[in-house]
Amino acid sequence: MAVAGTASAADLGRGGSYKDAPGEYMPAITWTGFYFGANAGVAFGERNNFIDWDYGYTQHFDNDESSFIGGVHVGYNWQKPGGWVFGVEGDVNFAEEIDYLATIRGRLGYAIGPTLIYATGGAAFIGADDAFEDSDSATGWVAGVGIEHKIKPNFSIGLEGLYYDFGNGDEFRVVDREGNYGDAHVDDLTFWTVRARLTYHFGERYEEPLK
């Protein structure tokens, strides 16, 4: 009877009945892999416009604007031992007065289980009507921070804030109704975007804990 009891206990252990194993035996959520998603939020900032008239008078227009913005993003992450996550991401967004707003950025983050906190930065590209209603495009830089959380193994939600700087705009000659000429230019084309993200992650849902 003692031998039979011992054998039954051994079989019970092999049968996997101990489902509540310590957390260290559970697989870890990974951020490694390709992903794509959609984002939406608000863009706000300022654009300073100047007209230096030939007769010595300068006009200054300070436009504070905000608008809805939305678009798509795609990228790839590499998760390293210790929780560090490296990635690259590209996105394109659209707004009422913006034909396109695109970026190519690197990302550096730290994963705490299903939550990723990161910083990001890179090149930015914009096409939009300038303050004088002329179609214009510019190249600048972008930097920001964000946070993502996996609500399911392959889905995450997030919030991201980005700062864009496109420097000074083009200069050109203008004339008023009275025939006076001046040099017009746009300075300090800078703004922020704050947007929510919904992302689908490809690849393996889980991987074994990194050792």
C-alpha atoms as a PDB file:
ATOM      1  CA  MET A   1       0.000   0.000   0.000  1.00  0.00           C
ATOM      2  CA  ALA A   2       2.848   2.382   0.775  1.00  0.00           C
ATOM      3  CA  VAL A   3       4.499   1.651  -2.586  1.00  0.00           C
ATOM      4  CA  ALA A   4       1.180   2.173  -4.437  1.00  0.00           C
ATOM      5  CA  GLY A   5       0.595   5.507  -2.668  1.00  0.00           C
ATOM      6  CA  THR A   6       4.061   6.717  -3.563  1.00  0.00           C
ATOM      7  CA  ALA A   7       3.572   5.756  -7.230  1.00  0.00           C
ATOM      8  CA  SER A   8       0.215   7.544  -7.389  1.00  0.00           C
ATOM      9  CA  ALA A   9       1.710  10.734  -5.984  1.00  0.00           C
ATOM     10  CA  ALA A  10       4.490  10.595  -8.545  1.00  0.00           C
ATOM     11  CA  ASP A  11       1.993  10.134 -11.376  1.00  0.00           C
ATOM     12  CA  LEU A  12      -0.056  13.059 -10.071  1.00  0.00           C
ATOM     13  CA  GLY A  13       2.975  15.340 -10.242  1.00  0.00           C
ATOM     14  CA  ARG A  14       3.802  14.229 -13.801  1.00  0.00           C
ATOM     15  CA  GLY A  15       0.216  14.772 -14.892  1.00  0.00           C
ATOM     16  CA  GLY A  16       0.534  18.527 -14.522  1.00  0.00           C
ATOM     17  CA  SER A  17      -2.094  18.961 -11.836  1.00  0.00           C
ATOM     18  CA  TYR A  18      -0.010  21.670 -10.183  1.00  0.00           C
ATOM     19  CA  LYS A  19      -1.322  24.403 -12.485  1.00  0.00           C
ATOM     20  CA  ASP A  20      -0.521  27.271 -10.158  1.00  0.00           C
ATOM     21  CA  ALA A  21       3.227  27.104 -10.686  1.00  0.00           C
ATOM     22  CA  PRO A  22       5.490  29.903  -9.427  1.00  0.00           C
ATOM     23  CA  GLY A  23       5.637  32.934 -11.696  1.00  0.00           C
ATOM     24  CA  GLU A  24       9.264  32.263 -12.619  1.00  0.00           C
ATOM     25  CA  TYR A  25       8.116  29.310 -14.701  1.00  0.00           C
ATOM     26  CA  MET A  26       5.602  31.334 -16.715  1.00  0.00           C
ATOM     27  CA  PRO A  27       6.678  32.492 -20.210  1.00  0.00           C
ATOM     28  CA  ALA A  28       7.456  36.208 -20.576  1.00  0.00           C
ATOM     29  CA  ILE A  29       5.608  38.599 -22.875  1.00  0.00           C
ATOM     30  CA  THR A  30       7.913  39.775 -25.655  1.00  0.00           C
ATOM     31  CA  TRP A  31       7.980  43.024 -27.618  1.00  0.00           C
ATOM     32  CA  THR A  32      10.218  41.570 -30.341  1.00  0.00           C
ATOM     33  CA  GLY A  33       8.786  41.566 -33.864  1.00  0.00           C
ATOM     34  CA  PHE A  34       7.017  43.578 -36.540  1.00  0.00           C
ATOM     35  CA  TYR A  35       3.957  45.679 -35.735  1.00  0.00           C
ATOM     36  CA  PHE A  36       1.527  48.081 -37.354  1.00  0.00           C
ATOM     37  CA  GLY A  37      -1.358  50.198 -36.135  1.00  0.00           C
ATOM     38  CA  ALA A  38      -3.388  53.385 -36.215  1.00  0.00           C
ATOM     39  CA  ASN A  39      -3.154  56.568 -34.151  1.00  0.00           C
ATOM     40  CA  ALA A  40      -5.277  59.671 -33.593  1.00  0.00           C
ATOM     41  CA  GLY A  41      -4.956  62.801 -31.494  1.00  0.00           C
ATOM     42  CA  VAL A  42      -4.384  66.538 -31.629  1.00  0.00           C
ATOM     43  CA  ALA A  43      -1.639  68.751 -33.085  1.00  0.00           C
ATOM     44  CA  PHE A  44      -1.011  72.176 -31.588  1.00  0.00           C
ATOM     45  CA  GLY A  45       1.698  74.789 -31.830  1.00  0.00           C
ATOM     46  CA  GLU A  46       2.661  78.148 -33.326  1.00  0.00           C
ATOM     47  CA  ARG A  47       3.833  79.605 -36.610  1.00  0.00           C
ATOM     48  CA  ASN A  48       5.410  83.074 -36.715  1.00  0.00           C
ATOM     49  CA  ASN A  49       5.045  84.979 -40.003  1.00  0.00           C
ATOM     50  CA  PHE A  50       6.829  88.200 -40.926  1.00  0.00           C
ATOM     51  CA  ILE A  51       6.597  90.711 -43.771  1.00  0.00           C
ATOM     52  CA  ASP A  52       9.445  93.222 -43.959  1.00  0.00           C
ATOM     53  CA  TRP A  53       8.164  96.015 -46.207  1.00  0.00           C
ATOM     54  CA  ASP A  54      10.659  97.968 -48.282  1.00  0.00           C
ATOM     55  CA  TYR A  55       9.530 101.240 -46.708  1.00  0.00           C
ATOM     56  CA  GLY A  56      10.752 100.071 -43.270  1.00  0.00           C
ATOM     57  CA  TYR A  57       7.585  98.656 -41.716  1.00  0.00           C
ATOM     58  CA  THR A  58       7.509  95.077 -40.373  1.00  0.00           C
ATOM     59  CA  GLN A  59       4.324  93.074 -39.858  1.00  0.00           C
ATOM     60  CA  HIS A  60       4.276  90.097 -37.499  1.00  0.00           C
ATOM     61  CA  PHE A  61       1.582  87.415 -37.431  1.00  0.00           C
ATOM     62  CA  ASP A  62       1.637  84.861 -34.610  1.00  0.00           C
ATOM     63  CA  ASN A  63      -0.674  81.938 -35.361  1.00  0.00           C
ATOM     64  CA  ASP A  64      -1.531  79.527 -32.542  1.00  0.00           C
ATOM     65  CA  GLU A  65      -3.333  76.587 -34.096  1.00  0.00           C
ATOM     66  CA  SER A  66      -4.646  73.190 -33.042  1.00  0.00           C
ATOM     67  CA  SER A  67      -6.310  70.491 -35.100  1.00  0.00           C
ATOM     68  CA  PHE A  68      -7.258  66.814 -35.123  1.00  0.00           C
ATOM     69  CA  ILE A  69      -4.586  64.542 -36.584  1.00  0.00           C
ATOM     70  CA  GLY A  70      -4.618  60.848 -37.432  1.00  0.00           C
ATOM     71  CA  GLY A  71      -2.687  58.239 -39.386  1.00  0.00           C
ATOM     72  CA  VAL A  72      -0.873  54.908 -39.359  1.00  0.00           C
ATOM     73  CA  HIS A  73       2.443  53.579 -38.070  1.00  0.00           C
ATOM     74  CA  VAL A  74       4.628  50.514 -38.704  1.00  0.00           C
ATOM     75  CA  GLY A  75       7.846  49.311 -37.106  1.00  0.00           C
ATOM     76  CA  TYR A  76      10.020  46.579 -35.610  1.00  0.00           C
ATOM     77  CA  ASN A  77      11.241  45.987 -32.037  1.00  0.00           C
ATOM     78  CA  TRP A  78      14.116  43.980 -30.582  1.00  0.00           C
ATOM     79  CA  GLN A  79      13.857  43.064 -26.894  1.00  0.00           C
ATOM     80  CA  LYS A  80      17.167  42.414 -25.134  1.00  0.00           C
ATOM     81  CA  PRO A  81      18.010  40.731 -21.825  1.00  0.00           C
ATOM     82  CA  GLY A  82      17.167  42.877 -18.857  1.00  0.00           C
ATOM     83  CA  GLY A  83      14.085  44.446 -20.425  1.00  0.00           C
ATOM     84  CA  TRP A  84      15.665  46.917 -22.870  1.00  0.00           C
ATOM     85  CA  VAL A  85      13.828  47.344 -26.176  1.00  0.00           C
ATOM     86  CA  PHE A  86      15.314  48.849 -29.347  1.00  0.00           C
ATOM     87  CA  GLY A  87      13.210  49.667 -32.383  1.00  0.00           C
ATOM     88  CA  VAL A  88      12.652  51.612 -35.559  1.00  0.00           C
ATOM     89  CA  GLU A  89       9.325  53.117 -36.623  1.00  0.00           C
ATOM     90  CA  GLY A  90       7.855  55.036 -39.545  1.00  0.00           C
ATOM     91  CA  ASP A  91       4.520  56.825 -39.625  1.00  0.00           C
ATOM     92  CA  VAL A  92       2.401  59.119 -41.763  1.00  0.00           C
ATOM     93  CA  ASN A  93      -0.384  61.363 -40.471  1.00  0.00           C
ATOM     94  CA  PHE A  94      -2.893  63.814 -41.915  1.00  0.00           C
ATOM     95  CA  ALA A  95      -4.741  66.872 -40.608  1.00  0.00           C
ATOM     96  CA  GLU A  96      -7.037  69.602 -41.906  1.00  0.00           C
ATOM     97  CA  GLU A  97      -4.199  71.938 -42.899  1.00  0.00           C
ATOM     98  CA  ILE A  98      -1.514  69.272 -43.324  1.00  0.00           C
ATOM     99  CA  ASP A  99      -1.235  67.297 -46.570  1.00  0.00           C
ATOM    100  CA  TYR A 100       1.082  64.823 -44.859  1.00  0.00           C
ATOM    101  CA  LEU A 101       3.255  64.597 -41.750  1.00  0.00           C
ATOM    102  CA  ALA A 102       5.722  61.700 -41.791  1.00  0.00           C
ATOM    103  CA  THR A 103       8.589  60.543 -39.592  1.00  0.00           C
ATOM    104  CA  ILE A 104      11.333  57.917 -39.502  1.00  0.00           C
ATOM    105  CA  ARG A 105      12.388  57.400 -35.874  1.00  0.00           C
ATOM    106  CA  GLY A 106      14.484  55.221 -33.638  1.00  0.00           C
ATOM    107  CA  ARG A 107      13.020  54.022 -30.338  1.00  0.00           C
ATOM    108  CA  LEU A 108      14.691  53.090 -27.040  1.00  0.00           C
ATOM    109  CA  GLY A 109      12.526  51.703 -24.283  1.00  0.00           C
ATOM    110  CA  TYR A 110      12.310  49.573 -21.190  1.00  0.00           C
ATOM    111  CA  ALA A 111       9.726  46.820 -20.787  1.00  0.00           C
ATOM    112  CA  ILE A 112       8.123  46.030 -17.450  1.00  0.00           C
ATOM    113  CA  GLY A 113       6.098  42.948 -18.273  1.00  0.00           C
ATOM    114  CA  PRO A 114       3.248  44.004 -20.581  1.00  0.00           C
ATOM    115  CA  THR A 115       4.161  47.716 -20.323  1.00  0.00           C
ATOM    116  CA  LEU A 116       6.757  49.496 -22.465  1.00  0.00           C
ATOM    117  CA  ILE A 117       8.057  53.004 -21.702  1.00  0.00           C
ATOM    118  CA  TYR A 118      10.185  54.572 -24.445  1.00  0.00           C
ATOM    119  CA  ALA A 119      11.855  57.630 -25.918  1.00  0.00           C
ATOM    120  CA  THR A 120      11.946  58.253 -29.658  1.00  0.00           C
ATOM    121  CA  GLY A 121      13.514  60.620 -32.178  1.00  0.00           C
ATOM    122  CA  GLY A 122      14.464  61.027 -35.817  1.00  0.00           C
ATOM    123  CA  ALA A 123      13.695  62.847 -39.069  1.00  0.00           C
ATOM    124  CA  ALA A 124      10.362  64.516 -39.880  1.00  0.00           C
ATOM    125  CA  PHE A 125       8.775  65.560 -43.184  1.00  0.00           C
ATOM    126  CA  ILE A 126       5.774  67.836 -43.743  1.00  0.00           C
ATOM    127  CA  GLY A 127       3.710  69.018 -46.672  1.00  0.00           C
ATOM    128  CA  ALA A 128       1.179  71.766 -46.000  1.00  0.00           C
ATOM    129  CA  ASP A 129      -0.099  75.186 -47.029  1.00  0.00           C
ATOM    130  CA  ASP A 130       1.971  77.898 -45.407  1.00  0.00           C
ATOM    131  CA  ALA A 131       0.625  81.042 -43.760  1.00  0.00           C
ATOM    132  CA  PHE A 132       0.346  82.717 -47.167  1.00  0.00           C
ATOM    133  CA  GLU A 133      -1.711  79.825 -48.606  1.00  0.00           C
ATOM    134  CA  ASP A 134       1.111  78.497 -50.782  1.00  0.00           C
ATOM    135  CA  SER A 135       1.812  74.767 -50.901  1.00  0.00           C
ATOM    136  CA  ASP A 136       5.111  74.070 -49.167  1.00  0.00           C
ATOM    137  CA  SER A 137       7.172  71.164 -47.844  1.00  0.00           C
ATOM    138  CA  ALA A 138       9.930  71.016 -45.261  1.00  0.00           C
ATOM    139  CA  THR A 139      12.285  68.596 -43.513  1.00  0.00           C
ATOM    140  CA  GLY A 140      13.065  68.781 -39.801  1.00  0.00           C
ATOM    141  CA  TRP A 141      13.458  66.682 -36.687  1.00  0.00           C
ATOM    142  CA  VAL A 142      11.132  65.096 -34.152  1.00  0.00           C
ATOM    143  CA  ALA A 143      11.548  63.775 -30.597  1.00  0.00           C
ATOM    144  CA  GLY A 144       9.224  62.539 -27.877  1.00  0.00           C
ATOM    145  CA  VAL A 145       8.199  59.914 -25.358  1.00  0.00           C
ATOM    146  CA  GLY A 146       5.487  57.292 -25.125  1.00  0.00           C
ATOM    147  CA  ILE A 147       4.021  54.361 -23.248  1.00  0.00           C
ATOM    148  CA  GLU A 148       2.395  51.160 -24.530  1.00  0.00           C
ATOM    149  CA  HIS A 149       0.568  48.383 -22.721  1.00  0.00           C
ATOM    150  CA  LYS A 150      -0.377  44.970 -24.119  1.00  0.00           C
ATOM    151  CA  ILE A 151      -4.056  44.345 -23.429  1.00  0.00           C
ATOM    152  CA  LYS A 152      -3.714  41.024 -25.294  1.00  0.00           C
ATOM    153  CA  PRO A 153      -0.644  39.086 -26.452  1.00  0.00           C
ATOM    154  CA  ASN A 154      -0.806  40.636 -29.932  1.00  0.00           C
ATOM    155  CA  PHE A 155      -2.554  43.962 -29.211  1.00  0.00           C
ATOM    156  CA  SER A 156      -1.333  47.048 -27.371  1.00  0.00           C
ATOM    157  CA  ILE A 157      -2.726  50.480 -26.617  1.00  0.00           C
ATOM    158  CA  GLY A 158      -0.556  53.517 -26.018  1.00  0.00           C
ATOM    159  CA  LEU A 159      -0.131  57.252 -25.647  1.00  0.00           C
ATOM    160  CA  GLU A 160       2.624  59.238 -27.373  1.00  0.00           C
ATOM    161  CA  GLY A 161       3.756  62.868 -27.337  1.00  0.00           C
ATOM    162  CA  LEU A 162       6.004  64.203 -30.121  1.00  0.00           C
ATOM    163  CA  TYR A 163       7.653  67.594 -30.679  1.00  0.00           C
ATOM    164  CA  TYR A 164       8.351  68.677 -34.291  1.00  0.00           C
ATOM    165  CA  ASP A 165      10.764  71.399 -35.422  1.00  0.00           C
ATOM    166  CA  PHE A 166      10.960  72.421 -39.094  1.00  0.00           C
ATOM    167  CA  GLY A 167      13.002  75.570 -38.587  1.00  0.00           C
ATOM    168  CA  ASN A 168      12.474  78.618 -40.795  1.00  0.00           C
ATOM    169  CA  GLY A 169      10.208  78.582 -43.816  1.00  0.00           C
ATOM    170  CA  ASP A 170      10.847  79.958 -47.305  1.00  0.00           C
ATOM    171  CA  GLU A 171      11.291  83.637 -48.064  1.00  0.00           C
ATOM    172  CA  PHE A 172       9.590  85.310 -51.025  1.00  0.00           C
ATOM    173  CA  ARG A 173       8.484  88.707 -52.316  1.00  0.00           C
ATOM    174  CA  VAL A 174       4.933  89.971 -51.745  1.00  0.00           C
ATOM    175  CA  VAL A 175       3.034  93.083 -52.863  1.00  0.00           C
ATOM    176  CA  ASP A 176       0.035  94.742 -51.226  1.00  0.00           C
ATOM    177  CA  ARG A 177      -2.961  96.376 -52.880  1.00  0.00           C
ATOM    178  CA  GLU A 178      -1.188  99.725 -52.986  1.00  0.00           C
ATOM    179  CA  GLY A 179       1.799  98.342 -54.853  1.00  0.00           C
ATOM    180  CA  ASN A 180       4.211  98.197 -51.896  1.00  0.00           C
ATOM    181  CA  TYR A 181       6.728  95.337 -51.959  1.00  0.00           C
ATOM    182  CA  GLY A 182       8.124  93.385 -49.027  1.00  0.00           C
ATOM    183  CA  ASP A 183      10.030  90.240 -48.054  1.00  0.00           C
ATOM    184  CA  ALA A 184       7.763  87.624 -46.446  1.00  0.00           C
ATOM    185  CA  HIS A 185       9.048  84.658 -44.477  1.00  0.00           C
ATOM    186  CA  VAL A 186       7.842  82.067 -41.987  1.00  0.00           C
ATOM    187  CA  ASP A 187       9.921  81.499 -38.851  1.00  0.00           C
ATOM    188  CA  ASP A 188       9.754  78.845 -36.141  1.00  0.00           C
ATOM    189  CA  LEU A 189       7.433  76.241 -37.649  1.00  0.00           C
ATOM    190  CA  THR A 190       7.183  74.097 -34.506  1.00  0.00           C
ATOM    191  CA  PHE A 191       4.371  72.142 -32.879  1.00  0.00           C
ATOM    192  CA  TRP A 192       3.389  69.214 -30.642  1.00  0.00           C
ATOM    193  CA  THR A 193       1.218  66.182 -31.254  1.00  0.00           C
ATOM    194  CA  VAL A 194      -0.393  64.053 -28.554  1.00  0.00           C
ATOM    195  CA  ARG A 195      -2.019  60.903 -29.870  1.00  0.00           C
ATOM    196  CA  ALA A 196      -3.462  57.584 -28.783  1.00  0.00           C
ATOM    197  CA  ARG A 197      -2.265  54.380 -30.461  1.00  0.00           C
ATOM    198  CA  LEU A 198      -3.737  50.946 -31.193  1.00  0.00           C
ATOM    199  CA  THR A 199      -1.155  48.427 -32.447  1.00  0.00           C
ATOM    200  CA  TYR A 200      -1.153  44.837 -33.688  1.00  0.00           C
ATOM    201  CA  HIS A 201       2.042  42.839 -33.083  1.00  0.00           C
ATOM    202  CA  PHE A 202       3.107  39.991 -35.381  1.00  0.00           C
ATOM    203  CA  GLY A 203       5.275  37.012 -34.490  1.00  0.00           C
ATOM    204  CA  GLU A 204       5.432  34.870 -31.410  1.00  0.00           C
ATOM    205  CA  ARG A 205       3.045  35.870 -28.657  1.00  0.00           C
ATOM    206  CA  TYR A 206       5.411  34.717 -25.929  1.00  0.00           C
ATOM    207  CA  GLU A 207       9.016  33.691 -25.563  1.00  0.00           C
ATOM    208  CA  GLU A 208      10.905  31.938 -22.793  1.00  0.00           C
ATOM    209  CA  PRO A 209      12.379  34.283 -20.174  1.00  0.00           C
ATOM    210  CA  LEU A 210      15.786  35.625 -21.229  1.00  0.00           C
ATOM    211  CA  LYS A 211      18.620  34.245 -19.124  1.00  0.00           C
END
